[in-house]
Amino acid sequence: MDIRRVVTGHDADGKAVVVDDQKVAPITVALVPGTEFHRLWGADSVRTFPDDGSRPASGDYFPPVGGFRFGFFTIPPGSTELPSDLDFDAAFAEFEEKLPGLGQYTEPDEPGMHTTATVDYGVVVSGQAILELDDGVTVTLNAGDSYIQNGTRHRWSNIGDVPAVMAITLIGAHHRKVD
């Protein structure tokens, strides 16, 4: 999916201006074929306005307390099988390089399940996404549906015929069960 990011700021006289306008390529990794991550904006601390439009520092995929992330997440349709010749160590290294810190939250025995110290806001833009909670309960979200994820253990899937695209905001929060 082509995602365009337009960033506004202020010139030296305080006038509102467009300071950045560009396409943002998705991050893809061999470990989750067909899945796309668009990291559009984020910060690791409380923000002041970046008048020049410069992107704030945002290291790990999930933000720390006081930080936030904004982007898109695309889930491919159906179940995704890993290639039989996949070099798992190389694929995990790529995953960690492109999506730093995300791997530490994944559960090897329950693929896709994770719990993070974030409050997540999302809207399904297109397709159909399935939210599964740790007790097996599932909720089907269609285009236009929104969700607020309050640090609960969950995973996403897509049983439809087309990719499920979600606009997401992640806000770092204190969580008594997650470091």
Protein backbone atom coordinates (compact mmCIF):
# COMPACT_ATOMS: atom_id res chain seq x y z
CA MET A 1 0.00 0.00 0.00
CA ASP A 2 1.32 3.46 -0.89
CA ILE A 3 1.23 5.72 2.14
CA ARG A 4 1.89 9.44 1.79
CA ARG A 5 3.06 11.43 4.83
CA VAL A 6 2.49 15.20 4.87
CA VAL A 7 4.11 17.06 7.78
CA THR A 8 3.40 20.66 8.70
CA GLY A 9 5.51 23.05 10.72
CA HIS A 10 6.22 26.76 11.07
CA ASP A 11 8.61 29.04 9.23
CA ALA A 12 10.79 31.64 10.97
CA ASP A 13 7.83 34.06 11.05
CA GLY A 14 5.49 31.50 12.66
CA LYS A 15 3.52 30.90 9.45
CA ALA A 16 2.15 27.37 8.93
CA VAL A 17 4.02 25.58 6.14
CA VAL A 18 4.36 22.08 4.67
CA VAL A 19 7.84 20.94 5.65
CA ASP A 20 7.76 17.37 4.34
CA ASP A 21 5.65 15.55 1.76
CA GLN A 22 6.74 12.08 0.71
CA LYS A 23 5.75 8.45 0.20
CA VAL A 24 6.76 6.14 3.03
CA ALA A 25 7.71 2.63 1.98
CA PRO A 26 6.47 -0.26 4.11
CA ILE A 27 8.79 -2.32 6.24
CA THR A 28 8.54 -5.99 5.32
CA VAL A 29 10.34 -8.90 6.90
CA ALA A 30 10.79 -12.54 5.92
CA LEU A 31 9.65 -13.73 9.35
CA VAL A 32 6.07 -12.52 8.75
CA PRO A 33 5.52 -12.78 4.97
CA GLY A 34 2.95 -10.43 3.49
CA THR A 35 2.75 -8.28 6.60
CA GLU A 36 3.59 -4.59 6.22
CA PHE A 37 4.55 -2.03 8.86
CA HIS A 38 4.50 1.69 8.03
CA ARG A 39 6.32 3.65 10.75
CA LEU A 40 5.08 7.15 9.96
CA TRP A 41 5.82 9.17 13.08
CA GLY A 42 6.69 8.70 16.72
CA ALA A 43 8.71 9.94 19.64
CA ASP A 44 10.20 8.51 22.78
CA SER A 45 9.26 11.49 24.95
CA VAL A 46 6.61 14.17 25.40
CA ARG A 47 6.68 16.33 22.30
CA THR A 48 7.12 19.94 21.46
CA PHE A 49 6.31 21.03 17.92
CA PRO A 50 9.10 20.20 15.46
CA ASP A 51 8.68 23.37 13.39
CA ASP A 52 11.15 22.14 10.78
CA GLY A 53 9.23 18.87 10.36
CA SER A 54 12.12 16.72 11.52
CA ARG A 55 11.15 13.30 12.78
CA PRO A 56 11.58 12.90 16.52
CA ALA A 57 13.77 10.12 17.84
CA SER A 58 11.82 6.88 18.07
CA GLY A 59 13.99 3.82 18.45
CA ASP A 60 12.12 0.64 19.32
CA TYR A 61 8.91 -0.36 17.58
CA PHE A 62 6.88 0.06 20.79
CA PRO A 63 7.22 3.41 22.59
CA PRO A 64 8.39 3.90 26.17
CA VAL A 65 6.18 5.59 28.78
CA GLY A 66 5.56 9.13 27.50
CA GLY A 67 6.33 8.13 23.91
CA PHE A 68 4.04 7.35 20.99
CA ARG A 69 3.97 5.83 17.52
CA PHE A 70 1.71 6.36 14.50
CA GLY A 71 1.59 4.17 11.44
CA PHE A 72 -0.20 1.54 9.42
CA PHE A 73 -0.19 -2.23 9.90
CA THR A 74 -1.20 -4.58 7.09
CA ILE A 75 -2.16 -8.21 7.70
CA PRO A 76 -2.10 -10.50 4.65
CA PRO A 77 -5.15 -12.67 3.96
CA GLY A 78 -5.29 -16.27 5.14
CA SER A 79 -2.61 -18.11 7.04
CA THR A 80 0.94 -17.33 6.09
CA GLU A 81 3.33 -20.24 5.83
CA LEU A 82 7.03 -19.62 6.27
CA PRO A 83 9.15 -20.85 3.36
CA SER A 84 10.68 -24.26 4.08
CA ASP A 85 14.16 -22.95 3.20
CA LEU A 86 13.92 -19.88 5.48
CA ASP A 87 17.12 -19.19 7.41
CA PHE A 88 15.39 -18.50 10.73
CA ASP A 89 18.41 -16.86 12.40
CA ALA A 90 18.88 -14.48 9.45
CA ALA A 91 15.13 -13.77 9.30
CA PHE A 92 14.99 -12.97 13.03
CA ALA A 93 18.05 -10.70 12.71
CA GLU A 94 16.31 -8.86 9.85
CA PHE A 95 13.11 -8.63 11.94
CA GLU A 96 15.05 -7.10 14.85
CA GLU A 97 16.95 -4.70 12.57
CA LYS A 98 13.87 -3.37 10.79
CA LEU A 99 11.44 -3.53 13.74
CA PRO A 100 13.71 -3.05 16.78
CA GLY A 101 12.39 -4.42 20.06
CA LEU A 102 9.26 -6.02 18.56
CA GLY A 103 10.70 -9.53 18.84
CA GLN A 104 11.07 -9.35 22.62
CA TYR A 105 7.28 -9.27 22.97
CA THR A 106 6.52 -12.23 20.73
CA GLU A 107 5.66 -15.59 22.25
CA PRO A 108 7.50 -18.43 20.46
CA ASP A 109 4.99 -21.05 21.67
CA GLU A 110 1.98 -18.92 20.58
CA PRO A 111 2.92 -17.22 17.28
CA GLY A 112 1.59 -13.69 17.07
CA MET A 113 0.51 -13.46 20.71
CA HIS A 114 2.01 -10.51 22.56
CA THR A 115 1.47 -8.08 25.44
CA THR A 116 2.95 -4.59 25.44
CA ALA A 117 3.03 -1.63 27.80
CA THR A 118 0.99 0.50 25.42
CA VAL A 119 -2.52 1.78 24.86
CA ASP A 120 -3.25 1.17 21.18
CA TYR A 121 -5.84 3.02 19.12
CA GLY A 122 -6.69 1.67 15.71
CA VAL A 123 -9.11 1.92 12.82
CA VAL A 124 -9.54 -0.73 10.15
CA VAL A 125 -9.12 1.15 6.87
CA SER A 126 -9.84 -1.79 4.57
CA GLY A 127 -10.32 -5.52 4.75
CA GLN A 128 -11.22 -7.52 7.84
CA ALA A 129 -9.02 -8.02 10.90
CA ILE A 130 -9.55 -10.60 13.62
CA LEU A 131 -8.52 -9.65 17.17
CA GLU A 132 -7.92 -12.69 19.38
CA LEU A 133 -7.49 -12.34 23.15
CA ASP A 134 -5.63 -14.72 25.43
CA ASP A 135 -8.76 -16.67 26.37
CA GLY A 136 -9.52 -17.52 22.70
CA VAL A 137 -12.26 -14.92 22.34
CA THR A 138 -12.18 -13.32 18.88
CA VAL A 139 -13.66 -10.08 17.58
CA THR A 140 -14.05 -9.41 13.87
CA LEU A 141 -13.31 -5.82 12.84
CA ASN A 142 -14.39 -4.53 9.43
CA ALA A 143 -13.47 -1.36 7.54
CA GLY A 144 -14.49 1.63 9.65
CA ASP A 145 -14.41 -0.29 12.95
CA SER A 146 -12.10 1.00 15.67
CA TYR A 147 -10.50 -0.51 18.74
CA ILE A 148 -8.75 0.55 21.92
CA GLN A 149 -6.29 -2.06 23.14
CA ASN A 150 -5.36 -1.53 26.81
CA GLY A 151 -2.18 -3.55 27.24
CA THR A 152 -3.95 -6.91 26.90
CA ARG A 153 -2.45 -10.10 25.52
CA HIS A 154 -3.61 -10.53 21.92
CA ARG A 155 -2.82 -11.38 18.31
CA TRP A 156 -4.12 -10.31 14.90
CA SER A 157 -5.15 -12.43 11.91
CA ASN A 158 -7.05 -12.05 8.67
CA ILE A 159 -9.34 -14.78 7.34
CA GLY A 160 -10.57 -12.64 4.46
CA ASP A 161 -9.53 -12.58 0.81
CA VAL A 162 -7.77 -9.19 0.83
CA PRO A 163 -5.17 -7.57 3.10
CA ALA A 164 -6.50 -5.94 6.26
CA VAL A 165 -5.06 -2.44 6.63
CA MET A 166 -5.22 -0.64 9.98
CA ALA A 167 -4.19 2.89 10.96
CA ILE A 168 -2.63 2.61 14.43
CA THR A 169 -1.43 4.82 17.26
CA LEU A 170 0.56 3.27 20.13
CA ILE A 171 1.06 5.23 23.36
CA GLY A 172 3.59 4.09 25.96
CA ALA A 173 1.97 3.42 29.35
CA HIS A 174 2.82 1.93 32.72
CA HIS A 175 1.87 -1.78 32.81
CA ARG A 176 2.27 -3.78 35.98
CA LYS A 177 2.97 -7.00 34.08
CA VAL A 178 5.24 -5.74 31.28
CA ASP A 179 8.69 -4.17 31.64
